Protein backbone atom coordinates (compact mmCIF):
# COMPACT_ATOMS: atom_id res chain seq x y z
CA UNK A 1 -5.75 -13.51 -13.44
CA UNK A 2 -8.90 -15.62 -12.97
CA UNK A 3 -8.94 -19.07 -11.44
CA UNK A 4 -8.55 -22.35 -13.34
CA UNK A 5 -12.02 -23.88 -14.10
CA UNK A 6 -10.97 -27.37 -12.99
CA UNK A 7 -9.79 -25.99 -9.67
CA UNK A 8 -13.06 -24.11 -9.21
CA UNK A 9 -14.95 -27.38 -9.66
CA UNK A 10 -12.63 -29.12 -7.18
CA UNK A 11 -13.38 -26.47 -4.58
CA UNK A 12 -17.14 -26.73 -5.20
CA UNK A 13 -16.98 -30.52 -4.65
CA UNK A 14 -15.03 -29.89 -1.44
CA UNK A 15 -17.76 -27.46 -0.33
CA UNK A 16 -20.54 -29.99 -1.02
CA UNK A 17 -19.33 -32.34 1.71
CA UNK A 18 -18.91 -29.59 4.30
CA UNK A 19 -21.44 -28.48 6.88
CA UNK A 20 -21.57 -24.69 6.90
CA UNK A 21 -24.22 -23.50 9.40
CA UNK A 22 -23.26 -19.83 9.16
CA UNK A 23 -23.00 -19.86 5.33
CA UNK A 24 -19.36 -18.78 5.47
CA UNK A 25 -18.80 -20.10 1.96
CA UNK A 26 -21.66 -18.13 0.38
CA UNK A 27 -19.24 -16.59 -2.12
CA UNK A 28 -18.34 -20.04 -3.50
CA UNK A 29 -20.68 -20.04 -6.50
CA UNK A 30 -20.70 -22.10 -9.70
CA UNK A 31 -20.13 -19.15 -12.02
CA UNK A 32 -17.80 -17.14 -9.80
CA UNK A 33 -14.07 -16.46 -9.95
CA UNK A 34 -12.71 -18.75 -7.24
CA UNK A 35 -9.72 -16.45 -6.76
CA UNK A 36 -12.20 -13.92 -5.29
CA UNK A 37 -13.86 -16.41 -2.96
CA UNK A 38 -13.53 -16.03 0.82
CA UNK A 39 -10.54 -17.99 2.11
CA UNK A 40 -8.96 -18.61 -1.31
CA UNK A 41 -5.59 -17.27 -2.42
CA UNK A 42 -4.44 -17.69 -6.02
CA UNK A 43 -1.12 -17.08 -7.69
CA UNK A 44 -1.02 -13.67 -9.35
CA UNK A 45 1.03 -15.15 -12.17
CA UNK A 46 -0.74 -18.41 -12.98
CA UNK A 47 -4.20 -18.21 -11.38
CA UNK A 48 -3.67 -21.54 -9.62
CA UNK A 49 -5.11 -21.92 -6.13
CA UNK A 50 -2.16 -21.93 -3.73
CA UNK A 51 -3.69 -21.28 -0.29
CA UNK A 52 -6.88 -22.16 1.57
CA UNK A 53 -7.68 -20.16 4.75
CA UNK A 54 -10.71 -21.61 6.57
CA UNK A 55 -9.83 -21.05 10.22
CA UNK A 56 -13.03 -21.22 12.28
CA UNK A 57 -12.37 -18.31 14.63
CA UNK A 58 -11.87 -15.80 11.83
CA UNK A 59 -15.59 -15.17 11.57
CA UNK A 60 -17.58 -12.62 13.55
CA UNK A 61 -19.74 -15.20 15.38
CA UNK A 62 -17.27 -17.95 16.40
CA UNK A 63 -19.81 -20.27 18.01
CA UNK A 64 -21.77 -20.51 14.76
CA UNK A 65 -18.96 -20.23 12.25
CA UNK A 66 -17.31 -23.63 12.58
CA UNK A 67 -17.26 -25.87 9.55
CA UNK A 68 -17.95 -29.58 9.82
CA UNK A 69 -18.87 -32.57 7.72
CA UNK A 70 -16.38 -34.61 5.68
CA UNK A 71 -13.18 -33.89 3.78
CA UNK A 72 -13.60 -34.42 0.04
CA UNK A 73 -10.58 -35.80 -1.90
CA UNK A 74 -11.18 -33.19 -4.59
CA UNK A 75 -8.45 -31.18 -2.84
CA UNK A 76 -5.99 -33.54 -4.52
CA UNK A 77 -6.91 -31.86 -7.82
CA UNK A 78 -5.35 -28.61 -6.58
CA UNK A 79 -1.88 -29.45 -7.85
CA UNK A 80 -0.25 -26.19 -6.76
CA UNK A 81 -1.97 -26.05 -3.42
CA UNK A 82 0.63 -25.50 -0.63
CA UNK A 83 -1.11 -23.86 2.36
CA UNK A 84 -4.07 -25.28 4.31
CA UNK A 85 -5.61 -23.86 7.49
CA UNK A 86 -8.71 -25.71 8.74
CA UNK A 87 -8.03 -25.01 12.41
CA UNK A 88 -10.66 -24.32 15.06
CA UNK A 89 -13.56 -26.01 13.30
CA UNK A 90 -15.74 -28.93 14.37
CA UNK A 91 -15.48 -32.11 12.33
CA UNK A 92 -17.10 -34.23 15.06
CA UNK A 93 -14.50 -36.94 15.54
CA UNK A 94 -14.00 -37.39 11.81
CA UNK A 95 -11.49 -40.04 10.83
CA UNK A 96 -8.77 -38.46 8.71
CA UNK A 97 -8.84 -40.30 5.34
CA UNK A 98 -5.60 -41.80 4.03
CA UNK A 99 -5.59 -39.56 0.93
CA UNK A 100 -5.32 -36.49 3.15
CA UNK A 101 -1.79 -37.37 4.21
CA UNK A 102 -0.78 -37.64 0.53
CA UNK A 103 -2.06 -34.08 0.11
CA UNK A 104 0.04 -32.92 3.06
CA UNK A 105 3.23 -33.91 1.27
CA UNK A 106 2.86 -30.89 -1.03
CA UNK A 107 2.15 -28.35 1.71
CA UNK A 108 4.54 -25.97 3.42
CA UNK A 109 1.89 -25.06 6.02
CA UNK A 110 -0.70 -27.45 7.46
CA UNK A 111 -2.92 -26.50 10.37
CA UNK A 112 -5.88 -28.66 11.37
CA UNK A 113 -5.63 -27.96 15.11
CA UNK A 114 -8.61 -27.56 17.44
CA UNK A 115 -10.90 -29.96 15.66
CA UNK A 116 -12.06 -33.44 16.66
CA UNK A 117 -10.13 -35.35 14.02
CA UNK A 118 -9.12 -38.84 15.05
CA UNK A 119 -7.08 -41.78 13.86
CA UNK A 120 -3.37 -42.49 13.62
CA UNK A 121 -0.88 -40.17 11.96
CA UNK A 122 1.36 -41.94 9.42
CA UNK A 123 5.03 -41.12 9.04
CA UNK A 124 5.45 -37.73 7.37
CA UNK A 125 8.59 -38.39 5.37
CA UNK A 126 7.73 -37.01 1.92
CA UNK A 127 7.46 -33.25 2.48
CA UNK A 128 8.75 -31.60 -0.70
CA UNK A 129 9.01 -28.01 0.52
CA UNK A 130 12.25 -27.05 2.24
CA UNK A 131 10.66 -25.58 5.38
CA UNK A 132 7.35 -27.01 6.61
CA UNK A 133 5.17 -26.04 9.59
CA UNK A 134 2.63 -28.62 10.84
CA UNK A 135 0.04 -28.09 13.59
CA UNK A 136 -2.09 -31.14 14.45
CA UNK A 137 -2.71 -30.17 18.07
CA UNK A 138 -5.97 -30.40 20.05
CA UNK A 139 -7.49 -33.35 18.24
CA UNK A 140 -8.07 -37.02 19.11
CA UNK A 141 -5.11 -38.59 17.32
CA UNK A 142 -3.75 -41.81 18.79
CA UNK A 143 -0.81 -44.13 18.23
CA UNK A 144 2.92 -43.41 18.17
CA UNK A 145 4.65 -40.18 17.21
CA UNK A 146 5.20 -40.22 13.40
CA UNK A 147 8.63 -40.03 11.85
CA UNK A 148 9.33 -36.72 10.13
CA UNK A 149 10.94 -35.48 6.97
CA UNK A 150 14.08 -33.44 7.53
CA UNK A 151 12.20 -30.59 5.80
CA UNK A 152 9.83 -30.11 8.76
CA UNK A 153 10.76 -26.98 10.71
CA UNK A 154 8.02 -26.96 13.36
CA UNK A 155 5.45 -29.52 14.49
CA UNK A 156 2.80 -29.32 17.21
CA UNK A 157 1.23 -32.63 18.24
CA UNK A 158 0.10 -31.47 21.68
CA UNK A 159 -3.28 -32.20 23.27
CA UNK A 160 -3.91 -35.52 21.60
CA UNK A 161 -3.83 -39.11 22.90
CA UNK A 162 -0.59 -40.25 21.33
CA UNK A 163 1.17 -42.92 23.33
CA UNK A 164 4.16 -45.21 23.69
CA UNK A 165 7.90 -44.64 23.61
CA UNK A 166 9.56 -41.90 21.59
CA UNK A 167 12.85 -43.72 20.95
CA UNK A 168 11.92 -44.56 17.36
CA UNK A 169 11.22 -40.89 16.71
CA UNK A 170 14.33 -39.33 18.23
CA UNK A 171 16.87 -42.01 17.38
CA UNK A 172 15.79 -42.95 13.83
CA UNK A 173 18.82 -42.62 11.53
CA UNK A 174 20.72 -41.03 14.37
CA UNK A 175 23.53 -39.77 12.12
CA UNK A 176 21.17 -37.85 9.83
CA UNK A 177 20.73 -34.26 11.16
CA UNK A 178 17.21 -32.87 11.29
CA UNK A 179 16.12 -29.27 10.68
CA UNK A 180 13.33 -29.22 13.25
CA UNK A 181 13.27 -26.03 15.32
CA UNK A 182 10.03 -26.35 17.33
CA UNK A 183 8.71 -29.62 18.82
CA UNK A 184 5.56 -29.71 20.96
CA UNK A 185 4.51 -33.13 22.27
CA UNK A 186 2.76 -31.81 25.38
CA UNK A 187 -0.49 -33.22 26.82
CA UNK A 188 -0.29 -36.72 25.42
CA UNK A 189 0.17 -40.23 26.87
CA UNK A 190 3.82 -40.67 25.94
CA UNK A 191 5.93 -42.78 28.28
CA UNK A 192 9.36 -44.24 28.92
CA UNK A 193 12.60 -42.36 29.22
CA UNK A 194 13.37 -39.31 27.12
CA UNK A 195 15.84 -40.71 24.55
CA UNK A 196 19.45 -39.58 24.62
CA UNK A 197 19.78 -38.93 20.88
CA UNK A 198 19.61 -35.15 20.74
CA UNK A 199 22.77 -34.66 18.67
CA UNK A 200 20.74 -35.21 15.49
CA UNK A 201 18.42 -32.27 16.34
CA UNK A 202 20.92 -29.38 16.45
CA UNK A 203 18.52 -26.61 15.35
CA UNK A 204 15.89 -27.06 18.07
CA UNK A 205 14.80 -23.79 19.63
CA UNK A 206 11.65 -24.81 21.54
CA UNK A 207 10.76 -28.14 23.22
CA UNK A 208 7.52 -28.90 25.09
CA UNK A 209 7.02 -32.31 26.72
CA UNK A 210 4.59 -31.19 29.45
CA UNK A 211 1.85 -33.47 30.81
CA UNK A 212 3.06 -36.87 29.70
CA UNK A 213 4.35 -39.95 31.51
CA UNK A 214 8.06 -39.58 30.82
CA UNK A 215 10.36 -41.12 33.42
CA UNK A 216 14.08 -41.45 34.02
CA UNK A 217 16.65 -38.68 34.03
CA UNK A 218 17.01 -35.60 31.87
CA UNK A 219 19.25 -36.86 29.04
CA UNK A 220 22.78 -35.51 28.90
CA UNK A 221 22.73 -34.92 25.14
CA UNK A 222 20.09 -32.17 25.49
CA UNK A 223 23.12 -30.08 26.41
CA UNK A 224 24.24 -30.22 22.77
CA UNK A 225 21.30 -28.00 21.73
CA UNK A 226 23.18 -24.71 21.60
CA UNK A 227 20.21 -22.84 20.04
CA UNK A 228 17.64 -23.98 22.60
CA UNK A 229 15.58 -21.12 24.04
CA UNK A 230 12.58 -22.85 25.63
CA UNK A 231 12.52 -26.19 27.50
CA UNK A 232 9.27 -27.40 29.11
CA UNK A 233 9.35 -30.76 30.91
CA UNK A 234 6.57 -29.96 33.39
CA UNK A 235 4.27 -32.65 34.88
CA UNK A 236 6.13 -35.85 34.19
CA UNK A 237 7.94 -38.33 36.46
CA UNK A 238 11.53 -37.33 35.79
CA UNK A 239 14.08 -38.15 38.49
CA UNK A 240 17.65 -37.25 39.37
CA UNK A 241 19.24 -33.84 39.27
CA UNK A 242 19.38 -31.14 36.63
CA UNK A 243 21.96 -32.33 34.11
CA UNK A 244 25.15 -30.26 34.17
CA UNK A 245 25.19 -30.45 30.38
CA UNK A 246 22.34 -27.90 30.28
CA UNK A 247 24.78 -25.15 31.20
CA UNK A 248 25.86 -25.32 27.55
CA UNK A 249 22.36 -24.14 26.50
CA UNK A 250 23.20 -20.52 27.15
CA UNK A 251 20.37 -19.16 24.95
CA UNK A 252 17.65 -20.51 27.23
CA UNK A 253 14.86 -18.06 28.10
CA UNK A 254 12.57 -20.58 29.80
CA UNK A 255 13.32 -23.56 32.03
CA UNK A 256 10.08 -25.23 33.14
CA UNK A 257 10.72 -28.43 35.13
CA UNK A 258 7.80 -28.18 37.58
CA UNK A 259 5.83 -31.15 38.96
CA UNK A 260 8.41 -33.90 38.56
CA UNK A 261 10.50 -35.96 40.99
CA UNK A 262 13.78 -34.12 40.45
CA UNK A 263 16.12 -33.95 43.42
CA UNK A 264 19.46 -32.69 44.67
CA UNK A 265 20.52 -29.09 45.03
CA UNK A 266 19.64 -26.37 42.52
CA UNK A 267 22.85 -25.92 40.48
CA UNK A 268 24.55 -22.54 41.03
CA UNK A 269 25.58 -22.48 37.37
CA UNK A 270 21.97 -21.69 36.40
CA UNK A 271 22.65 -18.13 37.54
CA UNK A 272 26.07 -18.03 35.92
CA UNK A 273 25.60 -19.75 32.57
CA UNK A 274 21.90 -19.25 31.76
CA UNK A 275 22.09 -15.48 32.01
CA UNK A 276 19.18 -14.82 29.62
CA UNK A 277 16.56 -16.67 31.67
CA UNK A 278 13.18 -14.97 31.94
CA UNK A 279 11.30 -17.91 33.47
CA UNK A 280 12.65 -20.45 35.99
CA UNK A 281 10.00 -22.85 37.27
CA UNK A 282 11.07 -25.79 39.45
CA UNK A 283 7.96 -26.11 41.64
CA UNK A 284 6.79 -29.40 43.20
CA UNK A 285 9.98 -31.41 43.04
CA UNK A 286 12.37 -32.72 45.69
CA UNK A 287 15.13 -30.14 45.49
CA UNK A 288 16.95 -29.53 48.75
CA UNK A 289 19.66 -27.30 50.14
CA UNK A 290 19.83 -23.51 49.93
CA UNK A 291 18.60 -21.23 47.18
CA UNK A 292 21.85 -20.47 45.30
CA UNK A 293 22.84 -16.82 45.64
CA UNK A 294 24.06 -17.07 42.04
CA UNK A 295 20.41 -16.90 40.90
CA UNK A 296 20.51 -13.21 41.86
CA UNK A 297 22.60 -12.60 38.73
CA UNK A 298 19.61 -13.39 36.48
CA UNK A 299 18.88 -9.78 35.55
CA UNK A 300 16.14 -10.71 33.04
CA UNK A 301 14.26 -13.08 35.35
CA UNK A 302 10.56 -12.21 35.66
CA UNK A 303 9.11 -15.46 36.97
CA UNK A 304 10.77 -17.50 39.74
CA UNK A 305 8.82 -20.47 41.10
CA UNK A 306 10.68 -22.73 43.53
CA UNK A 307 7.61 -23.65 45.57
CA UNK A 308 6.84 -27.02 47.16
CA UNK A 309 10.36 -28.39 47.49
CA UNK A 310 12.65 -29.09 50.45
CA UNK A 311 14.74 -25.93 50.19
CA UNK A 312 16.26 -24.65 53.40
CA UNK A 313 18.45 -21.87 54.78
CA UNK A 314 17.62 -18.20 54.26
CA UNK A 315 16.21 -16.21 51.37
CA UNK A 316 19.27 -14.73 49.59
CA UNK A 317 19.86 -11.12 50.58
CA UNK A 318 20.91 -10.30 47.02
CA UNK A 319 17.42 -10.63 45.46
CA UNK A 320 17.45 -6.89 44.83
CA UNK A 321 19.82 -7.68 41.93
CA UNK A 322 16.95 -9.29 40.03
CA UNK A 323 16.64 -6.11 38.02
CA UNK A 324 13.68 -7.17 35.83
CA UNK A 325 11.62 -7.67 38.99
CA UNK A 326 12.95 -4.38 40.37
CA UNK A 327 11.65 -2.46 37.39
CA UNK A 328 8.13 -1.21 36.83
CA UNK A 329 8.73 -1.11 33.10
CA UNK A 330 6.06 -3.06 31.29
CA UNK A 331 6.01 -4.10 27.68
CA UNK A 332 3.06 -5.08 25.55
CA UNK A 333 5.28 -7.57 23.79
CA UNK A 334 4.79 -11.27 24.38
CA UNK A 335 7.62 -13.51 25.49
CA UNK A 336 8.61 -15.43 22.38
CA UNK A 337 11.41 -17.40 20.83
CA UNK A 338 12.58 -16.83 17.29
CA UNK A 339 12.86 -19.40 14.52
CA UNK A 340 13.47 -19.31 10.79
CA UNK A 341 9.67 -19.41 10.30
CA UNK A 342 8.89 -16.53 12.63
CA UNK A 343 8.26 -16.21 16.36
CA UNK A 344 6.55 -18.73 18.61
CA UNK A 345 4.95 -17.34 21.76
CA UNK A 346 5.79 -18.68 25.21
CA UNK A 347 3.29 -19.79 27.84
CA UNK A 348 3.53 -20.92 31.47
CA UNK A 349 1.22 -22.10 34.25
CA UNK A 350 1.30 -19.90 37.37
CA UNK A 351 -0.56 -19.85 40.67
CA UNK A 352 -1.94 -16.32 41.05
CA UNK A 353 -4.42 -15.30 43.75
CA UNK A 354 -4.99 -18.94 44.64
CA UNK A 355 -5.85 -19.95 41.07
CA UNK A 356 -3.80 -21.80 38.46
CA UNK A 357 -3.64 -19.61 35.36
CA UNK A 358 -2.13 -20.37 31.94
CA UNK A 359 -0.40 -17.19 30.82
CA UNK A 360 0.53 -16.64 27.20
CA UNK A 361 -0.58 -13.40 25.57
CA UNK A 362 -0.02 -11.36 28.75
CA UNK A 363 3.04 -13.28 29.96
CA UNK A 364 5.43 -10.38 29.33
CA UNK A 365 3.46 -8.35 31.88
CA UNK A 366 3.77 -10.93 34.66
CA UNK A 367 6.44 -10.74 37.38
CA UNK A 368 6.18 -13.22 40.26
CA UNK A 369 8.26 -14.86 43.00
CA UNK A 370 6.98 -18.02 44.69
CA UNK A 371 9.13 -19.68 47.37
CA UNK A 372 6.23 -21.23 49.30
CA UNK A 373 6.06 -24.70 50.86
CA UNK A 374 9.72 -25.12 51.72
CA UNK A 375 11.66 -24.96 55.01
CA UNK A 376 13.20 -21.54 54.51
CA UNK A 377 14.24 -19.80 57.71
CA UNK A 378 15.53 -16.43 58.84
CA UNK A 379 13.95 -13.09 58.17
CA UNK A 380 12.39 -11.65 55.03
CA UNK A 381 15.24 -9.57 53.58
CA UNK A 382 14.51 -5.85 53.63
CA UNK A 383 15.85 -5.64 50.05
CA UNK A 384 12.80 -7.61 48.84
CA UNK A 385 10.92 -4.31 48.91
CA UNK A 386 13.12 -3.05 46.07
CA UNK A 387 11.39 -5.50 43.73
CA UNK A 388 8.83 -2.88 42.83
CA UNK A 389 7.76 -4.63 39.62
CA UNK A 390 6.49 -7.79 41.36
CA UNK A 391 2.79 -8.50 41.09
CA UNK A 392 2.79 -11.64 43.22
CA UNK A 393 4.93 -12.54 46.25
CA UNK A 394 4.42 -15.90 47.99
CA UNK A 395 6.61 -16.93 50.95
CA UNK A 396 3.90 -18.98 52.71
CA UNK A 397 4.39 -22.29 54.54
CA UNK A 398 8.00 -21.79 55.59
CA UNK A 399 9.78 -21.15 58.90
CA UNK A 400 10.39 -17.43 58.45
CA UNK A 401 10.75 -15.23 61.54
CA UNK A 402 10.88 -11.52 62.24
CA UNK A 403 8.52 -8.92 60.87
CA UNK A 404 7.18 -7.76 57.51
CA UNK A 405 9.64 -5.22 56.05
CA UNK A 406 8.48 -1.71 56.93
CA UNK A 407 8.87 -0.50 53.36
CA UNK A 408 6.56 -3.10 51.78
CA UNK A 409 4.35 -0.22 50.64
CA UNK A 410 7.03 0.67 48.05
CA UNK A 411 6.09 -2.48 46.11
CA UNK A 412 3.30 -0.65 44.38
CA UNK A 413 2.66 -3.28 41.70
CA UNK A 414 1.74 -6.02 44.16
CA UNK A 415 -1.63 -7.64 43.60
CA UNK A 416 -1.07 -10.80 45.63
CA UNK A 417 0.88 -11.32 48.89
CA UNK A 418 0.89 -14.62 50.80
CA UNK A 419 3.02 -14.86 53.96
CA UNK A 420 0.77 -17.31 55.78
CA UNK A 421 1.88 -20.18 58.04
CA UNK A 422 5.27 -18.90 59.17
CA UNK A 423 6.66 -17.63 62.49
CA UNK A 424 6.39 -13.96 61.57
CA UNK A 425 5.58 -11.46 64.32
CA UNK A 426 5.15 -7.80 65.11
CA UNK A 427 2.66 -5.32 63.75
CA UNK A 428 1.55 -5.00 60.14
CA UNK A 429 3.47 -2.05 58.61
CA UNK A 430 1.29 0.97 57.96
CA UNK A 431 2.79 1.25 54.48
CA UNK A 432 0.92 -1.89 53.39
CA UNK A 433 -2.11 0.35 52.97
CA UNK A 434 -0.27 2.03 50.06
CA UNK A 435 -0.63 -1.13 47.97
CA UNK A 436 -3.63 0.09 46.01
CA UNK A 437 -3.61 -2.85 43.56
CA UNK A 438 -3.61 -5.47 46.34
CA UNK A 439 -6.57 -7.82 45.94
CA UNK A 440 -5.28 -11.00 47.62
CA UNK A 441 -3.55 -10.98 51.02
CA UNK A 442 -2.95 -13.91 53.36
CA UNK A 443 -1.16 -13.29 56.67
CA UNK A 444 -2.87 -16.10 58.58
CA UNK A 445 -1.22 -18.37 61.14
CA UNK A 446 1.59 -16.09 62.23
CA UNK A 447 2.23 -14.19 65.49
CA UNK A 448 1.19 -10.78 64.23
CA UNK A 449 -0.23 -8.38 66.79
CA UNK A 450 -1.92 -5.00 66.82
CA UNK A 451 -4.50 -3.32 64.67
CA UNK A 452 -4.87 -4.02 60.96
CA UNK A 453 -3.82 -0.81 59.13
CA UNK A 454 -6.63 1.21 57.65
CA UNK A 455 -6.84 1.07 53.87
CA UNK A 456 -9.77 0.51 51.57
CA UNK A 457 -8.31 -2.61 50.02
CA UNK A 458 -7.41 -4.18 53.40
CA UNK A 459 -10.85 -3.75 54.92
CA UNK A 460 -12.41 -5.31 51.81
CA UNK A 461 -10.42 -8.54 52.22
CA UNK A 462 -11.74 -11.72 53.77
CA UNK A 463 -11.34 -12.20 57.51
CA UNK A 464 -9.68 -15.53 56.74
CA UNK A 465 -6.62 -13.56 55.60
CA UNK A 466 -5.85 -12.82 59.26
CA UNK A 467 -6.93 -16.00 61.08
CA UNK A 468 -4.55 -17.53 63.61
CA UNK A 469 -3.04 -14.17 64.58
CA UNK A 470 -3.59 -11.64 67.36
CA UNK A 471 -4.61 -8.89 64.98
CA UNK A 472 -7.79 -6.89 65.47
CA UNK A 473 -9.86 -4.37 63.59
CA UNK A 474 -11.80 -4.56 60.31
CA UNK A 475 -12.33 -6.80 58.43
CA UNK A 476 -12.14 -8.94 61.61
CA UNK A 477 -15.27 -9.03 63.72
CA UNK A 478 -15.95 -10.48 67.16
CA UNK A 479 -17.36 -13.63 65.55
CA UNK A 480 -14.30 -14.11 63.33
CA UNK A 481 -12.02 -13.65 66.34
CA UNK A 482 -13.98 -16.33 68.21
CA UNK A 483 -13.08 -19.01 65.64
CA UNK A 484 -9.37 -18.14 65.57
CA UNK A 485 -6.95 -20.79 66.76
CA UNK A 486 -5.01 -19.99 69.87
CA UNK A 487 -1.40 -18.95 69.44
CA UNK A 488 -0.17 -22.26 70.84
CA UNK A 489 -2.24 -24.28 68.37
CA UNK A 490 -1.18 -21.96 65.53
CA UNK A 491 2.48 -22.65 66.33
CA UNK A 492 1.78 -26.35 66.03
CA UNK A 493 0.26 -25.77 62.58
CA UNK A 494 3.33 -23.88 61.38
CA UNK A 495 5.41 -27.02 61.93
CA UNK A 496 2.77 -29.52 60.93
CA UNK A 497 4.68 -30.81 57.89
CA UNK A 498 8.01 -30.86 59.73
CA UNK A 499 7.15 -32.69 62.98
CA UNK A 500 4.36 -34.57 64.77
CA UNK A 501 2.67 -33.03 67.82
CA UNK A 502 1.51 -36.03 69.80
CA UNK A 503 -0.77 -34.02 72.10
CA UNK A 504 -2.77 -32.65 69.19
CA UNK A 505 -2.76 -36.06 67.51
CA UNK A 506 -4.06 -37.80 70.65
CA UNK A 507 -6.88 -35.27 70.99
CA UNK A 508 -7.84 -35.76 67.33
CA UNK A 509 -7.73 -39.54 67.63
CA UNK A 510 -9.85 -39.39 70.78
CA UNK A 511 -12.45 -37.40 68.92
CA UNK A 512 -12.32 -39.89 66.07
CA UNK A 513 -12.91 -42.87 68.38
CA UNK A 514 -15.89 -41.17 70.02
CA UNK A 515 -17.34 -40.18 66.69
CA UNK A 516 -17.11 -43.69 65.26
CA UNK A 517 -18.45 -45.37 68.40
CA UNK A 518 -21.68 -43.41 68.02
CA UNK A 519 -22.09 -43.77 64.26
CA UNK A 520 -20.45 -47.14 63.61
CA UNK A 521 -23.62 -48.85 62.25
CA UNK A 522 -23.73 -46.22 59.52
CA UNK A 523 -20.04 -45.80 58.84
CA UNK A 524 -18.90 -49.41 58.97
CA UNK A 525 -19.67 -50.05 55.32
CA UNK A 526 -19.28 -46.54 53.93
CA UNK A 527 -16.35 -45.07 55.81
CA UNK A 528 -14.21 -44.59 52.72
CA UNK A 529 -16.74 -42.14 51.29
CA UNK A 530 -16.93 -39.94 54.37
CA UNK A 531 -13.28 -39.66 55.39
CA UNK A 532 -11.73 -36.42 54.36
CA UNK A 533 -8.55 -36.18 56.35
CA UNK A 534 -5.53 -38.31 55.61
CA UNK A 535 -5.06 -39.71 59.11
CA UNK A 536 -8.70 -40.87 59.21
CA UNK A 537 -8.31 -42.38 55.75
CA UNK A 538 -5.47 -44.55 57.05
CA UNK A 539 -6.93 -45.49 60.43
CA UNK A 540 -10.69 -45.29 59.98
CA UNK A 541 -11.27 -48.84 58.83
CA UNK A 542 -9.18 -50.30 61.66
CA UNK A 543 -11.00 -48.21 64.26
CA UNK A 544 -14.34 -49.31 62.85
CA UNK A 545 -13.40 -52.99 62.99
CA UNK A 546 -12.14 -52.74 66.58
CA UNK A 547 -15.20 -50.88 67.84
CA UNK A 548 -17.61 -53.09 65.91
CA UNK A 549 -15.96 -56.24 67.30
CA UNK A 550 -16.28 -54.92 70.84
CA UNK A 551 -19.94 -54.06 70.33
CA UNK A 552 -20.65 -57.54 68.95
CA UNK A 553 -18.96 -59.12 71.97
CA UNK A 554 -20.98 -56.96 74.34
CA UNK A 555 -24.17 -58.03 72.59
């Protein structure tokens, strides 16, 4: 079946307004069969054009294969057209014309992500197909979130500049159920409280609200989403505790609440009711109290990040029950959540080897535990060494005592270990040299003694990994030992975010006064640009004024 002549002409007019530096559309010729053209799919029965696949990254030379130019309204002449993929091209901040949104009403798949399209998105209420997927992410769209047809199954509006409240979106015709399963509003400028109208969205499986300006509490009605598998609220300004209603969301695989202002104790029911969790990320909040021992029941948990909170007490001695972390089994499968339109892949931000990494395609391979920057006390449980699947272990900046478990060498998958700034002591276990994948180790500012075990990977590490200890041997040299803090000063550093040491503070202030008295003519007007430490930032100007006044009086 050959293509319809009028549709061939419509496609040729569309091509005329495009910029095609790599000549991707060379097969689009006046006398050709458009059903054989690159990127065109026709109906086998009627010959009508039904799909247009022009994703930029599909070509062999991605940097030269991106289309640009303008969008020609000739696409409106493709009456049976239902699938459009123009993603990952470069339309150079092109304003989306009004006619384009009329075209979208007939589509069941629309993807114009990763372009530079701009403008406001009108309400998308006229979708005629029963199950529609829309991806408008990674553009420059502004304005409020558009209202949606109940036929939309998935929409991605992330990485734009959309702003304002979302109440009109969530609470419009509150008694009319929606069929939306995936909603991604991440990386925008949205603000206000998250509306408490979730009863009308019963089919939601994945929600991403990361990197916005949402405030207020986590709404109670989110607990009505019985099918929810993925909930990302990272990097907002949410307050209060974790709503007890979330224990009804028993299908959850991912809970990502990092970088908010959440407080209270971590609910024990997370370990009892959310038994399918693979990812639990609560970093950089204000949670206090102990780590619930009930979390040890999460047998599928691969990523646990409770760092930078106010958690206290001891590390639970039942962590060996985290069987996914205790297994070396690795799968090439991605972590995903299922919808009626297929699977959507999960992603998460993690700190690995001192770097923030966005994991997606390799997320299934990652197993980490980060309890750093809390006030955890007691010893490192020996049973931690049974977590042989862990690749990253971070217990730094706590109040831990005792020694490193002798059997740490059994954790053969470890690539990153950070135990710095604690009260740990004793010698480094010889078995640590068995960790052949270890590429990042930080044991600094503890009371370790003795010789650093011999192992190729240990001697190749930076000397800074062992500063503030009484260790010796390679990679430490005489010069690196000379710049180590004394044990007494190191102990002060361990508690630096828990108490003030007035002796150290007085010495530092004395140095600051002397420094400014010599350089005051230079620093008086520019001090703000040369102050790097917080205490100088707060006191520098006052010190300058006092010293300057005294100098003027003396003159």
